Every structure is written in structure tokens, then in C-alpha cells.
């Protein structure tokens, strides 16, 4: 599905939600370092991705790799990690529970 002119694999609505995570605040997609494509979640990547999962290395945290499903802003990893679960542009909230999964996306 294309969301704000970006393809997001696994998305089932126009804010990046997927069949695995579809709560009100589930509105981000992560660009995977291994394949440079956006996915709604780690499970979507397992189902539709490259099969070679790699996390973003710390020295690349200035790269835009998180898509706000509400306004379409691409955030750098640093911006996202420092966002306190709120988009700095549109102020829509992100699911704070996503922090439990950072290790699947980012080298911390």
C-alpha cells in the first residue's frame, strides 16, 4: 500500500497500521536497513521482506527511516527515538509500546 507516496509493505490502512498492530496509536512504519523498504512492523518484514533482517547501525541514526503514518513526515532515527512517542510535525501520538521492539530495528 502506498502511504504519502511511500510504499509500506504490510499496511492495511492509510496510517501504516497492519494486521499485527492496528491500535489507534500504531501509525509509524520503519524502513529496514537490510532492504531499504518500509514495513509496518517486524512481523510484516518477516512475511514480506528480504529475509535478511539487519538493524540500523548507530552511526546511521541520522538517516530518515521512520514514516509518520498521519502526516507522511520521514523522521531520522534520532528524531524518532527522541520524539517521546509524538510526531514533531503533526503532534499525533505514536504507540509508546513500540519502544519494546526497538532492538528489532535499531542497534542500541
N, C-alpha and C. Protein backbone atom coordinates (compact mmCIF):
# COMPACT_ATOMS: atom_id res chain seq x y z
N UNK A 1 0.84 -1.17 0.00
CA UNK A 1 0.00 0.00 0.00
C UNK A 1 0.89 1.25 0.00
N UNK A 2 0.50 2.23 -0.77
CA UNK A 2 1.23 3.49 -0.79
C UNK A 2 0.60 4.46 0.20
N UNK A 3 1.44 5.00 1.07
CA UNK A 3 1.02 5.95 2.09
C UNK A 3 1.91 7.18 1.96
N UNK A 4 1.31 8.31 1.67
CA UNK A 4 2.07 9.55 1.48
C UNK A 4 3.19 9.33 0.45
N UNK A 5 2.86 8.68 -0.65
CA UNK A 5 3.79 8.41 -1.76
C UNK A 5 4.93 7.48 -1.40
N UNK A 6 4.83 6.75 -0.31
CA UNK A 6 5.84 5.76 0.08
C UNK A 6 5.16 4.40 0.15
N UNK A 7 5.78 3.39 -0.41
CA UNK A 7 5.23 2.05 -0.29
C UNK A 7 5.53 1.51 1.10
N UNK A 8 4.48 1.05 1.78
CA UNK A 8 4.63 0.46 3.10
C UNK A 8 4.07 -0.96 3.03
N UNK A 9 4.96 -1.91 3.10
CA UNK A 9 4.55 -3.31 2.99
C UNK A 9 3.89 -3.76 4.29
N UNK A 10 2.78 -4.44 4.14
CA UNK A 10 2.02 -4.93 5.28
C UNK A 10 0.93 -3.99 5.74
N UNK A 11 0.93 -2.76 5.29
CA UNK A 11 -0.07 -1.77 5.74
C UNK A 11 -1.46 -2.16 5.25
N UNK A 12 -2.44 -1.95 6.15
CA UNK A 12 -3.84 -2.23 5.79
C UNK A 12 -4.71 -0.99 5.83
N UNK A 13 -4.12 0.14 6.26
CA UNK A 13 -4.87 1.41 6.21
C UNK A 13 -3.92 2.55 5.88
N UNK A 14 -4.46 3.75 5.75
CA UNK A 14 -3.66 4.88 5.28
C UNK A 14 -2.80 5.54 6.36
N UNK A 15 -2.70 4.92 7.56
CA UNK A 15 -1.81 5.43 8.60
C UNK A 15 -0.74 4.40 8.98
N UNK A 16 -0.54 3.41 8.16
CA UNK A 16 0.51 2.37 8.28
C UNK A 16 0.16 1.21 9.21
N UNK A 17 -1.05 1.17 9.75
CA UNK A 17 -1.40 0.03 10.60
C UNK A 17 -1.38 -1.26 9.79
N UNK A 18 -1.16 -2.37 10.50
CA UNK A 18 -1.12 -3.67 9.84
C UNK A 18 -1.98 -4.67 10.61
N UNK A 19 -2.05 -5.89 10.13
CA UNK A 19 -2.88 -6.89 10.81
C UNK A 19 -2.32 -7.27 12.17
N UNK A 20 -1.04 -7.00 12.40
CA UNK A 20 -0.41 -7.35 13.67
C UNK A 20 -0.55 -6.23 14.71
N UNK A 21 -0.46 -4.98 14.26
CA UNK A 21 -0.54 -3.81 15.14
C UNK A 21 -1.49 -2.81 14.50
N UNK A 22 -2.67 -2.69 15.07
CA UNK A 22 -3.70 -1.84 14.46
C UNK A 22 -4.47 -1.02 15.50
N UNK A 23 -3.80 -0.66 16.57
CA UNK A 23 -4.41 0.23 17.56
C UNK A 23 -4.38 1.67 17.11
N UNK A 24 -5.05 2.52 17.86
CA UNK A 24 -5.16 3.93 17.50
C UNK A 24 -3.81 4.58 17.26
N UNK A 25 -2.82 4.32 18.13
CA UNK A 25 -1.51 4.97 18.03
C UNK A 25 -0.52 4.26 17.12
N UNK A 26 -0.89 3.16 16.52
CA UNK A 26 0.01 2.43 15.62
C UNK A 26 0.02 3.11 14.27
N UNK A 27 0.90 4.12 14.14
CA UNK A 27 0.90 4.92 12.93
C UNK A 27 2.31 5.25 12.45
N UNK A 28 3.23 4.32 12.62
CA UNK A 28 4.55 4.51 12.02
C UNK A 28 4.91 3.30 11.17
N UNK A 29 5.81 3.51 10.25
CA UNK A 29 6.43 2.42 9.50
C UNK A 29 7.93 2.64 9.61
N UNK A 30 8.67 1.54 9.58
CA UNK A 30 10.12 1.61 9.69
C UNK A 30 10.74 1.13 8.39
N UNK A 31 11.70 1.91 7.90
CA UNK A 31 12.47 1.49 6.73
C UNK A 31 13.55 0.54 7.24
N UNK A 32 13.57 -0.67 6.71
CA UNK A 32 14.54 -1.66 7.18
C UNK A 32 15.89 -1.43 6.52
N UNK A 33 16.92 -1.50 7.33
CA UNK A 33 18.29 -1.27 6.88
C UNK A 33 18.70 -2.29 5.82
N UNK A 34 18.26 -3.52 5.98
CA UNK A 34 18.68 -4.61 5.09
C UNK A 34 18.15 -4.47 3.67
N UNK A 35 16.96 -3.93 3.50
CA UNK A 35 16.36 -3.89 2.16
C UNK A 35 15.91 -2.50 1.74
N UNK A 36 16.06 -1.51 2.63
CA UNK A 36 15.74 -0.13 2.30
C UNK A 36 14.28 0.06 1.90
N UNK A 37 13.38 -0.72 2.52
CA UNK A 37 11.96 -0.63 2.24
C UNK A 37 11.20 -0.45 3.55
N UNK A 38 10.07 0.25 3.47
CA UNK A 38 9.24 0.47 4.64
C UNK A 38 8.31 -0.72 4.89
N UNK A 39 8.18 -1.06 6.18
CA UNK A 39 7.27 -2.10 6.64
C UNK A 39 6.53 -1.58 7.85
N UNK A 40 5.30 -2.07 8.05
CA UNK A 40 4.52 -1.65 9.20
C UNK A 40 5.09 -2.18 10.51
N UNK A 41 5.68 -3.36 10.50
CA UNK A 41 6.24 -3.94 11.72
C UNK A 41 7.25 -5.03 11.37
N UNK A 42 7.89 -5.56 12.39
CA UNK A 42 8.88 -6.62 12.20
C UNK A 42 8.23 -7.88 11.62
N UNK A 43 7.02 -8.19 12.05
CA UNK A 43 6.35 -9.39 11.54
C UNK A 43 6.01 -9.22 10.06
N UNK A 44 5.61 -8.03 9.67
CA UNK A 44 5.36 -7.76 8.24
C UNK A 44 6.65 -7.96 7.44
N UNK A 45 7.78 -7.56 8.01
CA UNK A 45 9.05 -7.77 7.32
C UNK A 45 9.35 -9.26 7.19
N UNK A 46 9.07 -10.03 8.24
CA UNK A 46 9.27 -11.48 8.16
C UNK A 46 8.40 -12.09 7.07
N UNK A 47 7.18 -11.59 6.93
CA UNK A 47 6.24 -12.13 5.95
C UNK A 47 6.48 -11.65 4.53
N UNK A 48 6.93 -10.40 4.34
CA UNK A 48 7.00 -9.81 3.01
C UNK A 48 8.37 -9.23 2.65
N UNK A 49 9.34 -9.39 3.54
CA UNK A 49 10.63 -8.72 3.35
C UNK A 49 11.68 -9.57 2.67
N UNK A 50 12.91 -9.12 2.82
CA UNK A 50 14.04 -9.70 2.11
C UNK A 50 14.57 -10.99 2.74
N UNK A 51 14.19 -11.26 3.98
CA UNK A 51 14.66 -12.47 4.65
C UNK A 51 16.06 -12.35 5.24
N UNK A 52 16.61 -11.15 5.21
CA UNK A 52 17.97 -10.92 5.71
C UNK A 52 17.97 -9.75 6.68
N UNK A 53 17.16 -9.84 7.71
CA UNK A 53 16.97 -8.72 8.63
C UNK A 53 18.28 -8.22 9.23
N UNK A 54 18.47 -6.91 9.12
CA UNK A 54 19.60 -6.22 9.75
C UNK A 54 19.07 -4.96 10.39
N UNK A 55 19.62 -4.62 11.55
CA UNK A 55 19.20 -3.41 12.25
C UNK A 55 20.06 -2.23 11.80
N UNK A 56 19.51 -1.03 11.99
CA UNK A 56 20.25 0.18 11.65
C UNK A 56 21.42 0.35 12.61
N UNK A 57 22.64 0.49 12.10
CA UNK A 57 23.78 0.73 12.99
C UNK A 57 23.72 2.14 13.58
N UNK A 58 24.24 2.28 14.77
CA UNK A 58 24.16 3.55 15.49
C UNK A 58 24.70 4.72 14.67
N UNK A 59 25.76 4.51 13.91
CA UNK A 59 26.36 5.61 13.14
C UNK A 59 25.47 6.07 11.98
N UNK A 60 24.35 5.39 11.72
CA UNK A 60 23.43 5.78 10.66
C UNK A 60 22.11 6.35 11.22
N UNK A 61 22.09 6.69 12.50
CA UNK A 61 20.86 7.19 13.12
C UNK A 61 20.44 8.57 12.61
N UNK A 62 21.25 9.21 11.77
CA UNK A 62 20.85 10.46 11.14
C UNK A 62 20.08 10.23 9.84
N UNK A 63 19.90 8.97 9.46
CA UNK A 63 19.16 8.62 8.24
C UNK A 63 17.66 8.69 8.51
N UNK A 64 16.90 9.11 7.51
CA UNK A 64 15.44 9.11 7.61
C UNK A 64 14.96 7.68 7.40
N UNK A 65 14.37 7.11 8.45
CA UNK A 65 13.98 5.70 8.39
C UNK A 65 12.67 5.40 9.11
N UNK A 66 11.96 6.43 9.56
CA UNK A 66 10.68 6.22 10.24
C UNK A 66 9.65 7.15 9.59
N UNK A 67 8.54 6.58 9.17
CA UNK A 67 7.50 7.32 8.48
C UNK A 67 6.31 7.51 9.41
N UNK A 68 5.91 8.76 9.63
CA UNK A 68 4.69 9.04 10.37
C UNK A 68 3.51 8.76 9.44
N UNK A 69 2.67 7.84 9.83
CA UNK A 69 1.53 7.48 9.01
C UNK A 69 0.45 8.55 8.98
N UNK A 70 0.50 9.48 9.90
CA UNK A 70 -0.51 10.53 9.92
C UNK A 70 -0.20 11.64 8.93
N UNK A 71 1.01 12.20 9.00
CA UNK A 71 1.33 13.34 8.13
C UNK A 71 2.32 13.01 7.01
N UNK A 72 2.95 11.85 7.05
CA UNK A 72 3.87 11.46 5.99
C UNK A 72 5.30 11.95 6.18
N UNK A 73 5.58 12.58 7.31
CA UNK A 73 6.94 13.04 7.58
C UNK A 73 7.86 11.85 7.77
N UNK A 74 9.02 11.92 7.13
CA UNK A 74 10.05 10.92 7.37
C UNK A 74 10.99 11.47 8.43
N UNK A 75 11.09 10.75 9.52
CA UNK A 75 11.94 11.15 10.63
C UNK A 75 13.26 10.41 10.59
N UNK A 76 14.31 11.07 11.05
CA UNK A 76 15.55 10.33 11.25
C UNK A 76 15.34 9.42 12.46
N UNK A 77 16.19 8.45 12.57
CA UNK A 77 16.08 7.54 13.71
C UNK A 77 16.28 8.32 15.01
N UNK A 78 17.23 9.24 15.03
CA UNK A 78 17.44 10.08 16.23
C UNK A 78 16.19 10.87 16.57
N UNK A 79 15.56 11.46 15.56
CA UNK A 79 14.34 12.24 15.81
C UNK A 79 13.25 11.34 16.39
N UNK A 80 13.09 10.17 15.81
CA UNK A 80 12.06 9.25 16.28
C UNK A 80 12.33 8.79 17.72
N UNK A 81 13.56 8.38 17.99
CA UNK A 81 13.89 7.90 19.33
C UNK A 81 13.75 9.00 20.38
N UNK A 82 13.94 10.23 19.98
CA UNK A 82 13.80 11.36 20.91
C UNK A 82 12.42 12.01 20.90
N UNK A 83 11.48 11.44 20.19
CA UNK A 83 10.18 12.07 20.00
C UNK A 83 9.21 11.95 21.16
N UNK A 84 9.51 11.13 22.13
CA UNK A 84 8.58 10.88 23.25
C UNK A 84 7.22 10.42 22.71
N UNK A 85 7.27 9.59 21.67
CA UNK A 85 6.08 8.98 21.06
C UNK A 85 5.09 9.98 20.49
N UNK A 86 5.61 11.10 19.97
CA UNK A 86 4.77 12.11 19.33
C UNK A 86 5.47 12.64 18.09
N UNK A 87 4.75 12.71 16.99
CA UNK A 87 5.34 13.26 15.78
C UNK A 87 5.67 14.74 16.01
N UNK A 88 6.91 15.15 15.73
CA UNK A 88 7.28 16.55 15.94
C UNK A 88 6.63 17.50 14.94
N UNK A 89 6.04 16.99 13.89
CA UNK A 89 5.42 17.83 12.87
C UNK A 89 3.91 17.96 13.09
N UNK A 90 3.20 16.84 13.16
CA UNK A 90 1.74 16.89 13.26
C UNK A 90 1.22 16.68 14.68
N UNK A 91 2.08 16.32 15.59
CA UNK A 91 1.80 16.08 17.02
C UNK A 91 0.88 14.90 17.29
N UNK A 92 0.64 14.05 16.31
CA UNK A 92 -0.11 12.82 16.56
C UNK A 92 0.79 11.89 17.37
N UNK A 93 0.17 11.12 18.25
CA UNK A 93 0.94 10.23 19.10
C UNK A 93 1.26 8.91 18.41
N UNK A 94 2.42 8.36 18.78
CA UNK A 94 2.84 7.04 18.34
C UNK A 94 2.63 6.07 19.51
N UNK A 95 2.58 4.81 19.23
CA UNK A 95 2.41 3.81 20.27
C UNK A 95 3.68 3.75 21.12
N UNK A 96 3.61 4.12 22.40
CA UNK A 96 4.80 4.07 23.24
C UNK A 96 5.31 2.65 23.43
N UNK A 97 4.45 1.66 23.23
CA UNK A 97 4.86 0.26 23.34
C UNK A 97 5.85 -0.17 22.27
N UNK A 98 5.96 0.62 21.21
CA UNK A 98 6.93 0.30 20.16
C UNK A 98 8.35 0.27 20.72
N UNK A 99 8.59 0.99 21.79
CA UNK A 99 9.94 1.01 22.37
C UNK A 99 10.38 -0.39 22.81
N UNK A 100 9.43 -1.28 23.07
CA UNK A 100 9.78 -2.66 23.43
C UNK A 100 10.37 -3.43 22.26
N UNK A 101 10.23 -2.90 21.05
CA UNK A 101 10.69 -3.59 19.85
C UNK A 101 11.86 -2.90 19.15
N UNK A 102 12.40 -1.84 19.73
CA UNK A 102 13.48 -1.10 19.08
C UNK A 102 14.63 -2.01 18.67
N UNK A 103 14.92 -3.03 19.46
CA UNK A 103 16.05 -3.91 19.16
C UNK A 103 15.90 -4.63 17.81
N UNK A 104 14.70 -4.73 17.31
CA UNK A 104 14.48 -5.37 16.01
C UNK A 104 14.81 -4.45 14.85
N UNK A 105 14.89 -3.16 15.13
CA UNK A 105 15.10 -2.15 14.09
C UNK A 105 16.40 -1.38 14.21
N UNK A 106 16.81 -1.10 15.45
CA UNK A 106 17.93 -0.18 15.70
C UNK A 106 18.95 -0.81 16.64
N UNK A 107 20.23 -0.62 16.33
CA UNK A 107 21.30 -1.06 17.25
C UNK A 107 21.36 -0.05 18.38
N UNK A 108 21.07 -0.48 19.56
CA UNK A 108 21.03 0.44 20.71
C UNK A 108 22.18 0.19 21.67
